[in-house]
């Protein structure tokens, strides 16, 4: 069967990514690997990763929603799959603290049409995103060893596959299942302290929606329950501030990084 590209309504995307019910938080979890990609060098498996997004969609007017969420991603030892508190840089020999991803908030607005590939029982949303903007760390010389590039640039390739029938079932606020494929090409993370060394990181991950906090892998449940209860639910309202990124988080918590603190830093419930 050949996939047919259809223009779907925003509500269909809301049911996919989150839920039409603004009173509930939706959990999406992923796992994968992160490789180095350096010209002339063989690739290295640097980390395994494990992440979660907890999100909420809030209807603002007919056919329009505010999306608000929080994200965690942990960098794991590629052999033991334990959370890495520190990392020995194989190129410089230096051991540095690991800043796991703790992006709060990550937001957006959903409206208009969303193209999707409908193939019988399955529908797939495909998003190829190429964020490019000034690197917030580039202007400050204290970050020269960490992230000297003037421009932040990446590629993020998403495919989310869901049951077609769920999208058009008026009794469902959220799809019953979702398969996520996520690939990313990104610059060295600031905490890796790679300076201006040539190369990139390649991320390869798969994921799914899970049924609440209890559906997450145990290591994520433990982190959220004991250190990061803020991530038990999505933000209750859209905020006017900018999205948090790994670069801004590094800038904000640079002193804690230099002090060798354990990341993510604890985050209490609101």
Protein backbone atom coordinates (compact mmCIF):
# COMPACT_ATOMS: atom_id res chain seq x y z
CA UNK A 1 0.00 0.00 0.00
CA UNK A 2 1.32 3.44 -0.97
CA UNK A 3 1.11 6.13 1.69
CA UNK A 4 -1.23 9.00 0.86
CA UNK A 5 -0.25 12.45 2.07
CA UNK A 6 -3.22 14.15 3.71
CA UNK A 7 -3.65 17.52 5.39
CA UNK A 8 -4.95 16.79 8.88
CA UNK A 9 -6.41 19.17 11.42
CA UNK A 10 -4.44 20.52 14.38
CA UNK A 11 -6.62 18.48 16.75
CA UNK A 12 -5.27 15.28 15.15
CA UNK A 13 -1.72 16.41 15.87
CA UNK A 14 -2.70 17.38 19.44
CA UNK A 15 -4.09 13.86 20.00
CA UNK A 16 -0.81 12.48 18.69
CA UNK A 17 1.73 14.60 20.54
CA UNK A 18 -0.25 15.18 23.73
CA UNK A 19 -3.99 15.15 24.55
CA UNK A 20 -7.15 17.14 23.89
CA UNK A 21 -7.80 16.98 27.65
CA UNK A 22 -5.91 19.92 29.16
CA UNK A 23 -6.36 18.51 32.68
CA UNK A 24 -3.97 15.63 32.00
CA UNK A 25 -0.23 15.39 31.44
CA UNK A 26 0.99 13.11 28.65
CA UNK A 27 4.28 11.20 28.90
CA UNK A 28 6.45 10.40 25.88
CA UNK A 29 9.66 8.44 26.50
CA UNK A 30 12.62 7.58 24.27
CA UNK A 31 15.92 5.72 24.34
CA UNK A 32 18.84 5.57 21.97
CA UNK A 33 22.52 6.13 21.27
CA UNK A 34 24.77 9.13 20.71
CA UNK A 35 27.84 8.86 18.48
CA UNK A 36 30.73 11.12 17.58
CA UNK A 37 31.05 11.96 13.87
CA UNK A 38 34.44 13.50 13.10
CA UNK A 39 35.93 13.89 9.60
CA UNK A 40 38.54 11.19 9.02
CA UNK A 41 37.81 9.33 12.27
CA UNK A 42 35.83 6.19 12.99
CA UNK A 43 32.66 6.85 14.91
CA UNK A 44 32.63 6.38 18.68
CA UNK A 45 29.58 5.34 20.71
CA UNK A 46 29.84 8.00 23.42
CA UNK A 47 26.58 7.56 25.33
CA UNK A 48 23.33 5.74 25.48
CA UNK A 49 20.41 8.01 26.36
CA UNK A 50 17.05 7.83 28.08
CA UNK A 51 14.53 10.65 28.02
CA UNK A 52 11.01 11.80 28.75
CA UNK A 53 8.74 14.65 27.75
CA UNK A 54 5.72 15.48 29.91
CA UNK A 55 3.32 17.73 28.02
CA UNK A 56 -0.07 19.44 28.03
CA UNK A 57 -2.16 21.10 25.34
CA UNK A 58 -4.46 23.98 26.26
CA UNK A 59 -7.21 25.03 23.85
CA UNK A 60 -7.09 28.79 23.20
CA UNK A 61 -9.74 29.12 20.50
CA UNK A 62 -11.44 26.93 17.94
CA UNK A 63 -8.74 24.86 16.21
CA UNK A 64 -5.83 26.33 18.18
CA UNK A 65 -3.82 25.06 21.16
CA UNK A 66 -0.94 26.15 23.33
CA UNK A 67 1.57 23.33 23.86
CA UNK A 68 3.67 23.34 27.01
CA UNK A 69 6.07 20.69 28.26
CA UNK A 70 9.19 19.75 30.21
CA UNK A 71 11.93 17.41 29.01
CA UNK A 72 14.62 15.28 30.63
CA UNK A 73 17.30 13.31 28.80
CA UNK A 74 20.02 11.38 30.61
CA UNK A 75 23.41 10.48 29.17
CA UNK A 76 24.19 6.89 30.15
CA UNK A 77 27.35 4.81 30.27
CA UNK A 78 27.19 2.96 26.92
CA UNK A 79 28.15 -0.36 28.55
CA UNK A 80 26.47 -0.37 31.98
CA UNK A 81 23.60 2.03 31.05
CA UNK A 82 24.06 3.81 34.39
CA UNK A 83 23.52 7.57 34.59
CA UNK A 84 26.86 9.32 34.11
CA UNK A 85 27.71 11.94 36.77
CA UNK A 86 31.09 12.62 35.08
CA UNK A 87 32.62 11.85 31.70
CA UNK A 88 36.20 11.37 30.61
CA UNK A 89 36.68 13.14 27.29
CA UNK A 90 38.54 10.64 25.04
CA UNK A 91 40.08 13.43 22.94
CA UNK A 92 41.33 15.73 25.71
CA UNK A 93 41.68 13.26 28.60
CA UNK A 94 39.86 15.70 30.88
CA UNK A 95 37.06 14.50 33.18
CA UNK A 96 34.08 16.87 33.23
CA UNK A 97 30.67 16.94 34.96
CA UNK A 98 27.77 15.75 32.80
CA UNK A 99 24.89 18.19 32.34
CA UNK A 100 21.90 16.01 31.58
CA UNK A 101 19.06 17.67 29.67
CA UNK A 102 16.51 19.42 31.89
CA UNK A 103 14.59 21.72 29.56
CA UNK A 104 11.75 23.57 31.27
CA UNK A 105 9.71 24.81 29.51
CA UNK A 106 9.55 23.60 25.89
CA UNK A 107 6.55 25.24 24.24
CA UNK A 108 4.73 25.89 21.00
CA UNK A 109 1.45 26.75 19.31
CA UNK A 110 -0.54 24.20 17.32
CA UNK A 111 -2.99 25.40 14.67
CA UNK A 112 -3.65 25.12 10.95
CA UNK A 113 -3.01 21.98 8.91
CA UNK A 114 -0.52 19.17 9.61
CA UNK A 115 0.56 17.01 6.67
CA UNK A 116 0.69 13.29 7.43
CA UNK A 117 1.37 10.09 5.51
CA UNK A 118 -1.72 7.88 5.82
CA UNK A 119 -1.06 4.23 5.02
CA UNK A 120 -4.11 2.16 5.90
CA UNK A 121 -4.20 1.46 9.63
CA UNK A 122 -1.16 3.68 10.33
CA UNK A 123 -0.59 7.41 10.01
CA UNK A 124 2.86 8.99 10.24
CA UNK A 125 3.68 12.63 10.94
CA UNK A 126 7.11 13.59 9.57
CA UNK A 127 8.96 16.70 10.76
CA UNK A 128 12.43 17.63 9.48
CA UNK A 129 13.56 20.62 11.54
CA UNK A 130 16.78 22.61 11.08
CA UNK A 131 17.12 25.10 13.96
CA UNK A 132 19.70 27.83 13.33
CA UNK A 133 20.19 30.86 15.58
CA UNK A 134 22.94 32.85 17.33
CA UNK A 135 24.78 30.81 19.97
CA UNK A 136 23.97 32.47 23.33
CA UNK A 137 27.40 31.45 24.69
CA UNK A 138 29.52 32.84 21.86
CA UNK A 139 29.76 36.43 23.07
CA UNK A 140 31.26 35.61 26.48
CA UNK A 141 34.95 34.67 26.42
CA UNK A 142 34.55 32.48 29.53
CA UNK A 143 32.70 29.97 27.34
CA UNK A 144 35.37 29.87 24.60
CA UNK A 145 36.60 26.41 25.68
CA UNK A 146 33.03 25.10 25.79
CA UNK A 147 31.07 26.50 22.86
CA UNK A 148 32.85 29.14 20.75
CA UNK A 149 30.71 28.87 17.61
CA UNK A 150 28.82 32.02 16.66
CA UNK A 151 25.86 30.04 15.30
CA UNK A 152 23.93 27.19 16.87
CA UNK A 153 22.94 24.77 14.13
CA UNK A 154 21.33 21.32 14.22
CA UNK A 155 19.06 18.95 12.32
CA UNK A 156 16.20 17.10 14.04
CA UNK A 157 14.32 14.41 12.11
CA UNK A 158 11.08 13.15 13.67
CA UNK A 159 8.64 10.45 12.60
CA UNK A 160 5.60 9.71 14.79
CA UNK A 161 3.36 6.80 13.77
CA UNK A 162 -0.09 6.27 15.30
CA UNK A 163 -3.25 4.24 14.58
CA UNK A 164 -5.27 6.04 11.90
CA UNK A 165 -8.57 5.08 13.55
CA UNK A 166 -7.54 6.76 16.82
CA UNK A 167 -7.14 10.13 15.11
CA UNK A 168 -10.75 10.13 13.94
CA UNK A 169 -12.33 8.52 17.00
CA UNK A 170 -14.21 11.35 18.79
CA UNK A 171 -14.23 9.36 22.05
CA UNK A 172 -10.44 9.44 22.34
CA UNK A 173 -8.59 12.49 23.63
CA UNK A 174 -5.20 10.91 22.91
CA UNK A 175 -4.01 8.14 20.60
CA UNK A 176 -3.82 4.69 22.21
CA UNK A 177 -0.26 4.10 21.00
CA UNK A 178 2.57 5.97 19.31
CA UNK A 179 5.90 4.96 17.82
CA UNK A 180 8.57 7.66 17.71
CA UNK A 181 11.71 7.74 15.59
CA UNK A 182 14.08 10.64 16.32
CA UNK A 183 17.45 11.37 14.75
CA UNK A 184 19.56 14.43 15.42
CA UNK A 185 22.78 15.95 14.14
CA UNK A 186 24.09 18.44 16.67
CA UNK A 187 27.17 20.33 17.75
CA UNK A 188 29.33 19.23 20.68
CA UNK A 189 27.48 19.90 23.92
CA UNK A 190 29.03 22.76 25.91
CA UNK A 191 29.71 20.61 28.98
CA UNK A 192 31.88 18.26 26.86
CA UNK A 193 34.47 21.07 26.67
CA UNK A 194 35.42 20.33 23.07
CA UNK A 195 36.33 23.91 22.13
CA UNK A 196 36.46 24.39 18.36
CA UNK A 197 37.30 20.75 17.56
CA UNK A 198 35.72 19.68 14.25
CA UNK A 199 32.88 17.19 14.35
CA UNK A 200 29.29 16.57 15.42
CA UNK A 201 27.11 14.36 17.55
CA UNK A 202 24.71 11.91 15.90
CA UNK A 203 21.64 10.93 17.95
CA UNK A 204 19.51 7.91 17.07
CA UNK A 205 16.47 7.15 19.21
CA UNK A 206 13.10 5.41 19.29
CA UNK A 207 10.25 6.00 21.71
CA UNK A 208 6.57 5.74 22.56
CA UNK A 209 3.78 7.23 24.62
CA UNK A 210 3.50 5.67 28.07
CA UNK A 211 0.64 5.53 30.54
CA UNK A 212 1.70 8.11 33.09
CA UNK A 213 4.70 8.32 35.37
CA UNK A 214 4.40 4.64 36.29
CA UNK A 215 4.89 3.68 32.64
CA UNK A 216 8.38 5.20 32.47
CA UNK A 217 11.58 3.17 32.82
CA UNK A 218 12.43 2.73 36.51
CA UNK A 219 15.50 4.95 36.40
CA UNK A 220 13.39 7.89 35.17
CA UNK A 221 10.71 7.21 37.80
CA UNK A 222 13.37 7.22 40.51
CA UNK A 223 14.91 10.49 39.31
CA UNK A 224 11.53 12.23 39.06
CA UNK A 225 10.19 10.89 42.36
CA UNK A 226 13.30 11.63 44.41
CA UNK A 227 15.18 14.52 42.75
CA UNK A 228 12.91 16.15 40.17
CA UNK A 229 9.26 16.06 41.27
CA UNK A 230 8.65 19.12 39.08
CA UNK A 231 8.59 16.68 36.15
CA UNK A 232 5.65 14.68 37.54
CA UNK A 233 3.39 16.86 35.43
CA UNK A 234 3.49 19.38 32.61
CA UNK A 235 3.27 23.12 33.27
CA UNK A 236 -0.31 24.15 33.99
CA UNK A 237 -0.13 27.21 31.75
CA UNK A 238 1.80 28.59 28.80
CA UNK A 239 4.59 30.91 29.94
CA UNK A 240 5.81 33.99 28.12
CA UNK A 241 9.51 33.21 28.56
CA UNK A 242 11.85 31.58 26.06
CA UNK A 243 12.30 27.83 25.78
CA UNK A 244 15.07 26.29 27.85
CA UNK A 245 17.88 24.60 25.87
CA UNK A 246 21.04 22.72 26.85
CA UNK A 247 23.04 25.83 25.92
CA UNK A 248 20.96 28.18 28.09
CA UNK A 249 20.92 25.64 30.93
CA UNK A 250 24.72 25.47 30.78
CA UNK A 251 24.94 29.27 30.83
CA UNK A 252 22.53 29.53 33.77
CA UNK A 253 24.24 26.84 35.87
CA UNK A 254 27.87 27.34 34.84
CA UNK A 255 29.04 27.94 38.42
CA UNK A 256 27.39 24.70 39.57
CA UNK A 257 29.08 22.90 36.66
CA UNK A 258 32.49 24.25 37.68
CA UNK A 259 31.77 23.18 41.26
CA UNK A 260 31.15 19.61 40.07
CA UNK A 261 27.54 19.42 41.23
CA UNK A 262 25.28 16.52 40.19
CA UNK A 263 22.89 17.33 37.34
CA UNK A 264 20.09 17.84 36.70
CA UNK A 265 19.95 20.11 39.73
CA UNK A 266 17.03 19.17 42.04
CA UNK A 267 13.67 20.66 41.00
CA UNK A 268 10.77 20.72 43.48
CA UNK A 269 7.10 20.57 42.53
CA UNK A 270 5.39 23.87 41.74
